[in-house]
């Protein structure tokens, strides 16, 4: 688990889900590396993974770049059913998550109310 005053990131292997919550506004891709490592670790042991962003209220451009790089790594590895779960109530998610599908057409985007 990664936890600060602004955000938490943790992997629940039983649910095959990585949860990101709060406000993620780290400076540059280097600061996002621990989260990238958490995401990459989550896909090592499974054929399906959910990245739950429902409670992630803010993600800056560096964070979106990190998610894009993660999607490309999953796509290149193959044989993983990847889903991003988000909220229709969070503006950045409705805009940015759909763009990830361009990088990996098999990606599932699950936006809920």
PDB file of N, CA and C in Angstrom:
ATOM      1  N   UNK A   1       0.842  -1.188   0.000  1.00  0.00           N
ATOM      2  CA  UNK A   1       0.000   0.000   0.000  1.00  0.00           C
ATOM      3  C   UNK A   1       0.882   1.244   0.000  1.00  0.00           C
ATOM      4  N   UNK A   2       0.462   2.214  -0.786  1.00  0.00           N
ATOM      5  CA  UNK A   2       1.126   3.514  -0.814  1.00  0.00           C
ATOM      6  C   UNK A   2       0.105   4.514  -0.281  1.00  0.00           C
ATOM      7  N   UNK A   3       0.502   5.276   0.730  1.00  0.00           N
ATOM      8  CA  UNK A   3      -0.451   6.208   1.335  1.00  0.00           C
ATOM      9  C   UNK A   3       0.233   7.515   1.678  1.00  0.00           C
ATOM     10  N   UNK A   4      -0.431   8.613   1.310  1.00  0.00           N
ATOM     11  CA  UNK A   4       0.002   9.956   1.697  1.00  0.00           C
ATOM     12  C   UNK A   4      -1.229  10.692   2.207  1.00  0.00           C
ATOM     13  N   UNK A   5      -1.055  11.961   2.523  1.00  0.00           N
ATOM     14  CA  UNK A   5      -2.205  12.767   2.934  1.00  0.00           C
ATOM     15  C   UNK A   5      -3.206  12.939   1.795  1.00  0.00           C
ATOM     16  N   UNK A   6      -2.704  12.923   0.545  1.00  0.00           N
ATOM     17  CA  UNK A   6      -3.551  13.200  -0.614  1.00  0.00           C
ATOM     18  C   UNK A   6      -4.152  11.978  -1.289  1.00  0.00           C
ATOM     19  N   UNK A   7      -3.479  10.827  -1.215  1.00  0.00           N
ATOM     20  CA  UNK A   7      -3.976   9.669  -1.957  1.00  0.00           C
ATOM     21  C   UNK A   7      -3.562   8.355  -1.303  1.00  0.00           C
ATOM     22  N   UNK A   8      -4.261   7.296  -1.698  1.00  0.00           N
ATOM     23  CA  UNK A   8      -3.858   5.940  -1.362  1.00  0.00           C
ATOM     24  C   UNK A   8      -3.889   5.105  -2.640  1.00  0.00           C
ATOM     25  N   UNK A   9      -3.009   4.138  -2.692  1.00  0.00           N
ATOM     26  CA  UNK A   9      -2.951   3.175  -3.788  1.00  0.00           C
ATOM     27  C   UNK A   9      -2.682   1.821  -3.166  1.00  0.00           C
ATOM     28  N   UNK A  10      -3.560   0.853  -3.443  1.00  0.00           N
ATOM     29  CA  UNK A  10      -3.306  -0.485  -2.919  1.00  0.00           C
ATOM     30  C   UNK A  10      -3.873  -1.552  -3.845  1.00  0.00           C
ATOM     31  N   UNK A  11      -3.272  -2.731  -3.745  1.00  0.00           N
ATOM     32  CA  UNK A  11      -3.661  -3.873  -4.557  1.00  0.00           C
ATOM     33  C   UNK A  11      -4.352  -4.891  -3.661  1.00  0.00           C
ATOM     34  N   UNK A  12      -5.538  -5.327  -4.066  1.00  0.00           N
ATOM     35  CA  UNK A  12      -6.249  -6.391  -3.365  1.00  0.00           C
ATOM     36  C   UNK A  12      -6.221  -7.622  -4.266  1.00  0.00           C
ATOM     37  N   UNK A  13      -5.295  -8.552  -4.019  1.00  0.00           N
ATOM     38  CA  UNK A  13      -5.164  -9.701  -4.909  1.00  0.00           C
ATOM     39  C   UNK A  13      -6.412 -10.580  -4.951  1.00  0.00           C
ATOM     40  N   UNK A  14      -7.166 -10.640  -3.849  1.00  0.00           N
ATOM     41  CA  UNK A  14      -8.380 -11.457  -3.838  1.00  0.00           C
ATOM     42  C   UNK A  14      -9.422 -10.931  -4.813  1.00  0.00           C
ATOM     43  N   UNK A  15      -9.493  -9.606  -4.937  1.00  0.00           N
ATOM     44  CA  UNK A  15     -10.431  -8.990  -5.881  1.00  0.00           C
ATOM     45  C   UNK A  15      -9.792  -8.751  -7.247  1.00  0.00           C
ATOM     46  N   UNK A  16      -8.489  -9.024  -7.351  1.00  0.00           N
ATOM     47  CA  UNK A  16      -7.719  -8.754  -8.570  1.00  0.00           C
ATOM     48  C   UNK A  16      -7.903  -7.297  -9.001  1.00  0.00           C
ATOM     49  N   UNK A  17      -7.811  -6.406  -8.019  1.00  0.00           N
ATOM     50  CA  UNK A  17      -8.097  -4.985  -8.240  1.00  0.00           C
ATOM     51  C   UNK A  17      -7.039  -4.118  -7.576  1.00  0.00           C
ATOM     52  N   UNK A  18      -6.650  -3.066  -8.302  1.00  0.00           N
ATOM     53  CA  UNK A  18      -5.809  -2.005  -7.744  1.00  0.00           C
ATOM     54  C   UNK A  18      -6.719  -0.801  -7.538  1.00  0.00           C
ATOM     55  N   UNK A  19      -6.717  -0.263  -6.340  1.00  0.00           N
ATOM     56  CA  UNK A  19      -7.540   0.892  -6.005  1.00  0.00           C
ATOM     57  C   UNK A  19      -6.668   2.136  -5.895  1.00  0.00           C
ATOM     58  N   UNK A  20      -7.050   3.194  -6.593  1.00  0.00           N
ATOM     59  CA  UNK A  20      -6.408   4.503  -6.459  1.00  0.00           C
ATOM     60  C   UNK A  20      -7.472   5.471  -5.966  1.00  0.00           C
ATOM     61  N   UNK A  21      -7.181   6.189  -4.875  1.00  0.00           N
ATOM     62  CA  UNK A  21      -8.169   7.081  -4.264  1.00  0.00           C
ATOM     63  C   UNK A  21      -7.529   8.409  -3.906  1.00  0.00           C
ATOM     64  N   UNK A  22      -8.320   9.481  -4.019  1.00  0.00           N
ATOM     65  CA  UNK A  22      -7.876  10.790  -3.568  1.00  0.00           C
ATOM     66  C   UNK A  22      -7.467  11.702  -4.698  1.00  0.00           C
ATOM     67  N   UNK A  23      -6.371  12.435  -4.470  1.00  0.00           N
ATOM     68  CA  UNK A  23      -5.863  13.430  -5.416  1.00  0.00           C
ATOM     69  C   UNK A  23      -4.415  13.080  -5.748  1.00  0.00           C
ATOM     70  N   UNK A  24      -4.170  12.670  -6.985  1.00  0.00           N
ATOM     71  CA  UNK A  24      -2.819  12.294  -7.415  1.00  0.00           C
ATOM     72  C   UNK A  24      -2.259  13.404  -8.277  1.00  0.00           C
ATOM     73  N   UNK A  25      -1.316  14.126  -7.717  1.00  0.00           N
ATOM     74  CA  UNK A  25      -0.683  15.227  -8.445  1.00  0.00           C
ATOM     75  C   UNK A  25       0.815  15.242  -8.162  1.00  0.00           C
ATOM     76  N   UNK A  26       1.432  14.123  -8.505  1.00  0.00           N
ATOM     77  CA  UNK A  26       2.875  13.992  -8.305  1.00  0.00           C
ATOM     78  C   UNK A  26       3.610  14.709  -9.436  1.00  0.00           C
ATOM     79  N   UNK A  27       4.874  15.028  -9.196  1.00  0.00           N
ATOM     80  CA  UNK A  27       5.662  15.779 -10.174  1.00  0.00           C
ATOM     81  C   UNK A  27       6.486  14.845 -11.043  1.00  0.00           C
ATOM     82  N   UNK A  28       6.036  14.636 -12.247  1.00  0.00           N
ATOM     83  CA  UNK A  28       6.821  13.869 -13.211  1.00  0.00           C
ATOM     84  C   UNK A  28       6.660  12.373 -13.071  1.00  0.00           C
ATOM     85  N   UNK A  29       7.021  11.700 -14.140  1.00  0.00           N
ATOM     86  CA  UNK A  29       6.842  10.257 -14.223  1.00  0.00           C
ATOM     87  C   UNK A  29       7.687   9.514 -13.186  1.00  0.00           C
ATOM     88  N   UNK A  30       8.818  10.090 -12.780  1.00  0.00           N
ATOM     89  CA  UNK A  30       9.666   9.433 -11.784  1.00  0.00           C
ATOM     90  C   UNK A  30       8.925   9.273 -10.461  1.00  0.00           C
ATOM     91  N   UNK A  31       8.171  10.277 -10.062  1.00  0.00           N
ATOM     92  CA  UNK A  31       7.438  10.202  -8.803  1.00  0.00           C
ATOM     93  C   UNK A  31       6.275   9.217  -8.881  1.00  0.00           C
ATOM     94  N   UNK A  32       5.834   8.906 -10.094  1.00  0.00           N
ATOM     95  CA  UNK A  32       4.761   7.932 -10.281  1.00  0.00           C
ATOM     96  C   UNK A  32       5.275   6.494 -10.333  1.00  0.00           C
ATOM     97  N   UNK A  33       6.590   6.299 -10.326  1.00  0.00           N
ATOM     98  CA  UNK A  33       7.159   4.952 -10.472  1.00  0.00           C
ATOM     99  C   UNK A  33       6.662   3.968  -9.415  1.00  0.00           C
ATOM    100  N   UNK A  34       6.541   4.340  -8.131  1.00  0.00           N
ATOM    101  CA  UNK A  34       6.018   3.368  -7.160  1.00  0.00           C
ATOM    102  C   UNK A  34       4.597   2.901  -7.501  1.00  0.00           C
ATOM    103  N   UNK A  35       3.778   3.793  -8.039  1.00  0.00           N
ATOM    104  CA  UNK A  35       2.421   3.397  -8.433  1.00  0.00           C
ATOM    105  C   UNK A  35       2.481   2.497  -9.663  1.00  0.00           C
ATOM    106  N   UNK A  36       3.358   2.832 -10.612  1.00  0.00           N
ATOM    107  CA  UNK A  36       3.544   1.972 -11.779  1.00  0.00           C
ATOM    108  C   UNK A  36       4.000   0.581 -11.340  1.00  0.00           C
ATOM    109  N   UNK A  37       4.925   0.519 -10.392  1.00  0.00           N
ATOM    110  CA  UNK A  37       5.391  -0.771  -9.883  1.00  0.00           C
ATOM    111  C   UNK A  37       4.258  -1.561  -9.237  1.00  0.00           C
ATOM    112  N   UNK A  38       3.386  -0.883  -8.505  1.00  0.00           N
ATOM    113  CA  UNK A  38       2.227  -1.528  -7.896  1.00  0.00           C
ATOM    114  C   UNK A  38       1.318  -2.116  -8.978  1.00  0.00           C
ATOM    115  N   UNK A  39       1.061  -1.329 -10.023  1.00  0.00           N
ATOM    116  CA  UNK A  39       0.215  -1.795 -11.127  1.00  0.00           C
ATOM    117  C   UNK A  39       0.848  -2.982 -11.849  1.00  0.00           C
ATOM    118  N   UNK A  40       2.132  -2.883 -12.144  1.00  0.00           N
ATOM    119  CA  UNK A  40       2.819  -3.969 -12.850  1.00  0.00           C
ATOM    120  C   UNK A  40       2.865  -5.238 -11.997  1.00  0.00           C
ATOM    121  N   UNK A  41       3.048  -5.071 -10.702  1.00  0.00           N
ATOM    122  CA  UNK A  41       3.031  -6.224  -9.805  1.00  0.00           C
ATOM    123  C   UNK A  41       1.675  -6.900  -9.781  1.00  0.00           C
ATOM    124  N   UNK A  42       0.617  -6.116  -9.878  1.00  0.00           N
ATOM    125  CA  UNK A  42      -0.736  -6.672  -9.838  1.00  0.00           C
ATOM    126  C   UNK A  42      -1.025  -7.560 -11.045  1.00  0.00           C
ATOM    127  N   UNK A  43      -0.452  -7.255 -12.191  1.00  0.00           N
ATOM    128  CA  UNK A  43      -0.741  -8.060 -13.387  1.00  0.00           C
ATOM    129  C   UNK A  43       0.181  -9.265 -13.519  1.00  0.00           C
ATOM    130  N   UNK A  44       1.205  -9.348 -12.681  1.00  0.00           N
ATOM    131  CA  UNK A  44       2.146 -10.464 -12.771  1.00  0.00           C
ATOM    132  C   UNK A  44       1.497 -11.797 -12.441  1.00  0.00           C
ATOM    133  N   UNK A  45       0.531 -11.794 -11.552  1.00  0.00           N
ATOM    134  CA  UNK A  45       0.008 -13.044 -11.008  1.00  0.00           C
ATOM    135  C   UNK A  45      -1.396 -13.385 -11.479  1.00  0.00           C
ATOM    136  N   UNK A  46      -1.896 -12.732 -12.511  1.00  0.00           N
ATOM    137  CA  UNK A  46      -3.293 -12.937 -12.867  1.00  0.00           C
ATOM    138  C   UNK A  46      -3.511 -12.776 -14.359  1.00  0.00           C
ATOM    139  N   UNK A  47      -4.624 -13.281 -14.825  1.00  0.00           N
ATOM    140  CA  UNK A  47      -4.994 -13.098 -16.228  1.00  0.00           C
ATOM    141  C   UNK A  47      -6.042 -12.004 -16.387  1.00  0.00           C
ATOM    142  N   UNK A  48      -6.493 -11.436 -15.259  1.00  0.00           N
ATOM    143  CA  UNK A  48      -7.468 -10.348 -15.301  1.00  0.00           C
ATOM    144  C   UNK A  48      -7.163  -9.373 -14.170  1.00  0.00           C
ATOM    145  N   UNK A  49      -7.315  -8.083 -14.464  1.00  0.00           N
ATOM    146  CA  UNK A  49      -7.023  -7.066 -13.451  1.00  0.00           C
ATOM    147  C   UNK A  49      -7.953  -5.875 -13.665  1.00  0.00           C
ATOM    148  N   UNK A  50      -8.427  -5.336 -12.559  1.00  0.00           N
ATOM    149  CA  UNK A  50      -9.240  -4.125 -12.573  1.00  0.00           C
ATOM    150  C   UNK A  50      -8.429  -3.016 -11.913  1.00  0.00           C
ATOM    151  N   UNK A  51      -8.416  -1.850 -12.535  1.00  0.00           N
ATOM    152  CA  UNK A  51      -7.841  -0.659 -11.921  1.00  0.00           C
ATOM    153  C   UNK A  51      -9.029   0.230 -11.578  1.00  0.00           C
ATOM    154  N   UNK A  52      -9.327   0.328 -10.280  1.00  0.00           N
ATOM    155  CA  UNK A  52     -10.508   1.062  -9.819  1.00  0.00           C
ATOM    156  C   UNK A  52     -10.121   2.495  -9.472  1.00  0.00           C
ATOM    157  N   UNK A  53     -10.609   3.409 -10.292  1.00  0.00           N
ATOM    158  CA  UNK A  53     -10.329   4.838 -10.122  1.00  0.00           C
ATOM    159  C   UNK A  53     -11.567   5.601  -9.650  1.00  0.00           C
ATOM    160  N   UNK A  54     -12.600   4.877  -9.261  1.00  0.00           N
ATOM    161  CA  UNK A  54     -13.886   5.500  -8.904  1.00  0.00           C
ATOM    162  C   UNK A  54     -13.744   6.619  -7.882  1.00  0.00           C
ATOM    163  N   UNK A  55     -12.811   6.449  -6.942  1.00  0.00           N
ATOM    164  CA  UNK A  55     -12.627   7.439  -5.876  1.00  0.00           C
ATOM    165  C   UNK A  55     -11.374   8.290  -6.080  1.00  0.00           C
ATOM    166  N   UNK A  56     -10.848   8.298  -7.315  1.00  0.00           N
ATOM    167  CA  UNK A  56      -9.696   9.149  -7.628  1.00  0.00           C
ATOM    168  C   UNK A  56     -10.237  10.435  -8.239  1.00  0.00           C
ATOM    169  N   UNK A  57     -10.279  11.483  -7.418  1.00  0.00           N
ATOM    170  CA  UNK A  57     -10.919  12.727  -7.836  1.00  0.00           C
ATOM    171  C   UNK A  57     -10.088  13.549  -8.798  1.00  0.00           C
ATOM    172  N   UNK A  58      -8.758  13.406  -8.711  1.00  0.00           N
ATOM    173  CA  UNK A  58      -7.899  14.206  -9.585  1.00  0.00           C
ATOM    174  C   UNK A  58      -6.670  13.404  -9.973  1.00  0.00           C
ATOM    175  N   UNK A  59      -6.295  13.504 -11.238  1.00  0.00           N
ATOM    176  CA  UNK A  59      -5.066  12.905 -11.745  1.00  0.00           C
ATOM    177  C   UNK A  59      -4.467  13.889 -12.732  1.00  0.00           C
ATOM    178  N   UNK A  60      -3.222  14.293 -12.494  1.00  0.00           N
ATOM    179  CA  UNK A  60      -2.589  15.268 -13.380  1.00  0.00           C
ATOM    180  C   UNK A  60      -2.074  14.597 -14.656  1.00  0.00           C
ATOM    181  N   UNK A  61      -1.500  15.391 -15.540  1.00  0.00           N
ATOM    182  CA  UNK A  61      -1.054  14.872 -16.838  1.00  0.00           C
ATOM    183  C   UNK A  61       0.054  13.836 -16.695  1.00  0.00           C
ATOM    184  N   UNK A  62       0.917  13.983 -15.701  1.00  0.00           N
ATOM    185  CA  UNK A  62       1.959  12.976 -15.484  1.00  0.00           C
ATOM    186  C   UNK A  62       1.343  11.643 -15.084  1.00  0.00           C
ATOM    187  N   UNK A  63       0.291  11.699 -14.304  1.00  0.00           N
ATOM    188  CA  UNK A  63      -0.409  10.479 -13.902  1.00  0.00           C
ATOM    189  C   UNK A  63      -1.120   9.819 -15.071  1.00  0.00           C
ATOM    190  N   UNK A  64      -1.700  10.624 -15.932  1.00  0.00           N
ATOM    191  CA  UNK A  64      -2.354  10.078 -17.125  1.00  0.00           C
ATOM    192  C   UNK A  64      -1.304   9.443 -18.041  1.00  0.00           C
ATOM    193  N   UNK A  65      -0.137  10.062 -18.140  1.00  0.00           N
ATOM    194  CA  UNK A  65       0.961   9.471 -18.920  1.00  0.00           C
ATOM    195  C   UNK A  65       1.389   8.134 -18.325  1.00  0.00           C
ATOM    196  N   UNK A  66       1.448   8.056 -17.007  1.00  0.00           N
ATOM    197  CA  UNK A  66       1.810   6.806 -16.340  1.00  0.00           C
ATOM    198  C   UNK A  66       0.793   5.717 -16.651  1.00  0.00           C
ATOM    199  N   UNK A  67      -0.502   6.051 -16.597  1.00  0.00           N
ATOM    200  CA  UNK A  67      -1.538   5.068 -16.924  1.00  0.00           C
ATOM    201  C   UNK A  67      -1.416   4.627 -18.377  1.00  0.00           C
ATOM    202  N   UNK A  68      -1.104   5.567 -19.267  1.00  0.00           N
ATOM    203  CA  UNK A  68      -0.926   5.231 -20.686  1.00  0.00           C
ATOM    204  C   UNK A  68       0.233   4.255 -20.862  1.00  0.00           C
ATOM    205  N   UNK A  69       1.330   4.496 -20.177  1.00  0.00           N
ATOM    206  CA  UNK A  69       2.483   3.593 -20.275  1.00  0.00           C
ATOM    207  C   UNK A  69       2.132   2.210 -19.718  1.00  0.00           C
ATOM    208  N   UNK A  70       1.361   2.183 -18.646  1.00  0.00           N
ATOM    209  CA  UNK A  70       0.921   0.910 -18.074  1.00  0.00           C
ATOM    210  C   UNK A  70       0.074   0.140 -19.086  1.00  0.00           C
ATOM    211  N   UNK A  71      -0.863   0.820 -19.723  1.00  0.00           N
ATOM    212  CA  UNK A  71      -1.731   0.164 -20.710  1.00  0.00           C
ATOM    213  C   UNK A  71      -0.898  -0.404 -21.858  1.00  0.00           C
ATOM    214  N   UNK A  72       0.084   0.335 -22.325  1.00  0.00           N
ATOM    215  CA  UNK A  72       0.948  -0.148 -23.404  1.00  0.00           C
ATOM    216  C   UNK A  72       1.722  -1.388 -22.952  1.00  0.00           C
ATOM    217  N   UNK A  73       2.211  -1.382 -21.726  1.00  0.00           N
ATOM    218  CA  UNK A  73       2.943  -2.557 -21.215  1.00  0.00           C
ATOM    219  C   UNK A  73       2.029  -3.775 -21.158  1.00  0.00           C
ATOM    220  N   UNK A  74       0.790  -3.578 -20.696  1.00  0.00           N
ATOM    221  CA  UNK A  74      -0.173  -4.685 -20.634  1.00  0.00           C
ATOM    222  C   UNK A  74      -0.487  -5.177 -22.042  1.00  0.00           C
ATOM    223  N   UNK A  75      -0.725  -4.259 -22.948  1.00  0.00           N
ATOM    224  CA  UNK A  75      -1.028  -4.631 -24.336  1.00  0.00           C
ATOM    225  C   UNK A  75       0.117  -5.435 -24.937  1.00  0.00           C
ATOM    226  N   UNK A  76       1.344  -4.980 -24.738  1.00  0.00           N
ATOM    227  CA  UNK A  76       2.501  -5.658 -25.316  1.00  0.00           C
ATOM    228  C   UNK A  76       2.731  -7.027 -24.681  1.00  0.00           C
ATOM    229  N   UNK A  77       2.381  -7.165 -23.444  1.00  0.00           N
ATOM    230  CA  UNK A  77       2.535  -8.456 -22.770  1.00  0.00           C
ATOM    231  C   UNK A  77       1.494  -9.460 -23.259  1.00  0.00           C
ATOM    232  N   UNK A  78       0.270  -8.958 -23.496  1.00  0.00           N
ATOM    233  CA  UNK A  78      -0.803  -9.819 -23.996  1.00  0.00           C
ATOM    234  C   UNK A  78      -1.386 -10.716 -22.927  1.00  0.00           C
ATOM    235  N   UNK A  79      -2.500 -11.362 -23.266  1.00  0.00           N
ATOM    236  CA  UNK A  79      -3.159 -12.367 -22.425  1.00  0.00           C
ATOM    237  C   UNK A  79      -3.605 -11.841 -21.063  1.00  0.00           C
ATOM    238  N   UNK A  80      -3.911 -10.559 -20.964  1.00  0.00           N
ATOM    239  CA  UNK A  80      -4.443 -10.004 -19.715  1.00  0.00           C
ATOM    240  C   UNK A  80      -5.725  -9.234 -20.033  1.00  0.00           C
ATOM    241  N   UNK A  81      -6.768  -9.557 -19.295  1.00  0.00           N
ATOM    242  CA  UNK A  81      -8.040  -8.863 -19.414  1.00  0.00           C
ATOM    243  C   UNK A  81      -7.985  -7.667 -18.452  1.00  0.00           C
ATOM    244  N   UNK A  82      -7.825  -6.462 -19.017  1.00  0.00           N
ATOM    245  CA  UNK A  82      -7.654  -5.257 -18.204  1.00  0.00           C
ATOM    246  C   UNK A  82      -8.905  -4.401 -18.259  1.00  0.00           C
ATOM    247  N   UNK A  83      -9.356  -3.982 -17.079  1.00  0.00           N
ATOM    248  CA  UNK A  83     -10.524  -3.103 -16.958  1.00  0.00           C
ATOM    249  C   UNK A  83     -10.154  -1.888 -16.122  1.00  0.00           C
ATOM    250  N   UNK A  84     -10.560  -0.724 -16.587  1.00  0.00           N
ATOM    251  CA  UNK A  84     -10.488   0.492 -15.784  1.00  0.00           C
ATOM    252  C   UNK A  84     -11.902   0.819 -15.341  1.00  0.00           C
ATOM    253  N   UNK A  85     -12.104   0.884 -14.020  1.00  0.00           N
ATOM    254  CA  UNK A  85     -13.407   1.238 -13.464  1.00  0.00           C
ATOM    255  C   UNK A  85     -13.324   2.672 -12.972  1.00  0.00           C
ATOM    256  N   UNK A  86     -14.316   3.469 -13.365  1.00  0.00           N
ATOM    257  CA  UNK A  86     -14.321   4.867 -12.959  1.00  0.00           C
ATOM    258  C   UNK A  86     -15.722   5.361 -12.697  1.00  0.00           C
ATOM    259  N   UNK A  87     -15.843   6.673 -12.626  1.00  0.00           N
ATOM    260  CA  UNK A  87     -17.113   7.308 -12.311  1.00  0.00           C
ATOM    261  C   UNK A  87     -17.471   8.336 -13.370  1.00  0.00           C
ATOM    262  N   UNK A  88     -18.724   8.308 -13.802  1.00  0.00           N
ATOM    263  CA  UNK A  88     -19.230   9.339 -14.710  1.00  0.00           C
ATOM    264  C   UNK A  88     -19.279  10.705 -14.029  1.00  0.00           C
ATOM    265  N   UNK A  89     -19.167  10.734 -12.709  1.00  0.00           N
ATOM    266  CA  UNK A  89     -19.248  11.976 -11.953  1.00  0.00           C
ATOM    267  C   UNK A  89     -17.915  12.726 -11.897  1.00  0.00           C
ATOM    268  N   UNK A  90     -16.841  12.082 -12.354  1.00  0.00           N
ATOM    269  CA  UNK A  90     -15.510  12.691 -12.290  1.00  0.00           C
ATOM    270  C   UNK A  90     -15.081  13.049 -13.711  1.00  0.00           C
ATOM    271  N   UNK A  91     -15.020  14.347 -13.997  1.00  0.00           N
ATOM    272  CA  UNK A  91     -14.825  14.842 -15.358  1.00  0.00           C
ATOM    273  C   UNK A  91     -13.569  14.297 -16.030  1.00  0.00           C
ATOM    274  N   UNK A  92     -12.429  14.291 -15.333  1.00  0.00           N
ATOM    275  CA  UNK A  92     -11.203  13.827 -15.991  1.00  0.00           C
ATOM    276  C   UNK A  92     -11.330  12.371 -16.423  1.00  0.00           C
ATOM    277  N   UNK A  93     -12.086  11.568 -15.670  1.00  0.00           N
ATOM    278  CA  UNK A  93     -12.230  10.159 -16.018  1.00  0.00           C
ATOM    279  C   UNK A  93     -13.056   9.973 -17.295  1.00  0.00           C
ATOM    280  N   UNK A  94     -14.126  10.727 -17.426  1.00  0.00           N
ATOM    281  CA  UNK A  94     -14.968  10.579 -18.621  1.00  0.00           C
ATOM    282  C   UNK A  94     -14.203  10.964 -19.880  1.00  0.00           C
ATOM    283  N   UNK A  95     -13.262  11.871 -19.756  1.00  0.00           N
ATOM    284  CA  UNK A  95     -12.477  12.303 -20.919  1.00  0.00           C
ATOM    285  C   UNK A  95     -11.265  11.415 -21.163  1.00  0.00           C
ATOM    286  N   UNK A  96     -10.494  11.174 -20.138  1.00  0.00           N
ATOM    287  CA  UNK A  96      -9.183  10.539 -20.304  1.00  0.00           C
ATOM    288  C   UNK A  96      -9.229   9.020 -20.426  1.00  0.00           C
ATOM    289  N   UNK A  97     -10.125   8.360 -19.699  1.00  0.00           N
ATOM    290  CA  UNK A  97     -10.122   6.905 -19.731  1.00  0.00           C
ATOM    291  C   UNK A  97     -10.475   6.359 -21.109  1.00  0.00           C
ATOM    292  N   UNK A  98     -11.390   7.028 -21.792  1.00  0.00           N
ATOM    293  CA  UNK A  98     -11.767   6.564 -23.134  1.00  0.00           C
ATOM    294  C   UNK A  98     -10.585   6.634 -24.099  1.00  0.00           C
ATOM    295  N   UNK A  99      -9.682   7.578 -23.890  1.00  0.00           N
ATOM    296  CA  UNK A  99      -8.503   7.689 -24.750  1.00  0.00           C
ATOM    297  C   UNK A  99      -7.561   6.499 -24.590  1.00  0.00           C
ATOM    298  N   UNK A 100      -7.571   5.855 -23.433  1.00  0.00           N
ATOM    299  CA  UNK A 100      -6.700   4.699 -23.217  1.00  0.00           C
ATOM    300  C   UNK A 100      -7.079   3.539 -24.131  1.00  0.00           C
ATOM    301  N   UNK A 101      -8.345   3.500 -24.530  1.00  0.00           N
ATOM    302  CA  UNK A 101      -8.819   2.433 -25.411  1.00  0.00           C
ATOM    303  C   UNK A 101      -8.141   2.504 -26.779  1.00  0.00           C
ATOM    304  N   UNK A 102      -7.691   3.677 -27.167  1.00  0.00           N
ATOM    305  CA  UNK A 102      -6.953   3.811 -28.424  1.00  0.00           C
ATOM    306  C   UNK A 102      -5.625   3.075 -28.361  1.00  0.00           C
ATOM    307  N   UNK A 103      -5.043   3.014 -27.166  1.00  0.00           N
ATOM    308  CA  UNK A 103      -3.767   2.329 -26.981  1.00  0.00           C
ATOM    309  C   UNK A 103      -3.942   0.811 -26.906  1.00  0.00           C
ATOM    310  N   UNK A 104      -5.109   0.392 -26.410  1.00  0.00           N
ATOM    311  CA  UNK A 104      -5.382  -1.042 -26.238  1.00  0.00           C
ATOM    312  C   UNK A 104      -6.875  -1.265 -26.507  1.00  0.00           C
ATOM    313  N   UNK A 105      -7.237  -1.577 -27.743  1.00  0.00           N
ATOM    314  CA  UNK A 105      -8.659  -1.733 -28.076  1.00  0.00           C
ATOM    315  C   UNK A 105      -9.396  -2.765 -27.231  1.00  0.00           C
ATOM    316  N   UNK A 106      -8.701  -3.778 -26.714  1.00  0.00           N
ATOM    317  CA  UNK A 106      -9.352  -4.796 -25.900  1.00  0.00           C
ATOM    318  C   UNK A 106      -9.626  -4.331 -24.468  1.00  0.00           C
ATOM    319  N   UNK A 107      -9.138  -3.152 -24.105  1.00  0.00           N
ATOM    320  CA  UNK A 107      -9.345  -2.593 -22.772  1.00  0.00           C
ATOM    321  C   UNK A 107     -10.830  -2.350 -22.511  1.00  0.00           C
ATOM    322  N   UNK A 108     -11.267  -2.691 -21.307  1.00  0.00           N
ATOM    323  CA  UNK A 108     -12.651  -2.438 -20.902  1.00  0.00           C
ATOM    324  C   UNK A 108     -12.666  -1.182 -20.035  1.00  0.00           C
ATOM    325  N   UNK A 109     -13.554  -0.242 -20.378  1.00  0.00           N
ATOM    326  CA  UNK A 109     -13.774   0.955 -19.563  1.00  0.00           C
ATOM    327  C   UNK A 109     -15.163   0.834 -18.946  1.00  0.00           C
ATOM    328  N   UNK A 110     -15.235   0.855 -17.634  1.00  0.00           N
ATOM    329  CA  UNK A 110     -16.485   0.683 -16.904  1.00  0.00           C
ATOM    330  C   UNK A 110     -16.735   1.949 -16.090  1.00  0.00           C
ATOM    331  N   UNK A 111     -17.500   2.883 -16.665  1.00  0.00           N
ATOM    332  CA  UNK A 111     -17.821   4.141 -15.980  1.00  0.00           C
ATOM    333  C   UNK A 111     -19.211   4.006 -15.352  1.00  0.00           C
ATOM    334  N   UNK A 112     -19.279   4.247 -14.063  1.00  0.00           N
ATOM    335  CA  UNK A 112     -20.539   4.098 -13.321  1.00  0.00           C
ATOM    336  C   UNK A 112     -20.975   5.445 -12.764  1.00  0.00           C
ATOM    337  N   UNK A 113     -22.261   5.524 -12.416  1.00  0.00           N
ATOM    338  CA  UNK A 113     -22.791   6.764 -11.839  1.00  0.00           C
ATOM    339  C   UNK A 113     -22.539   6.874 -10.369  1.00  0.00           C
TER     340      UNK A 113
END
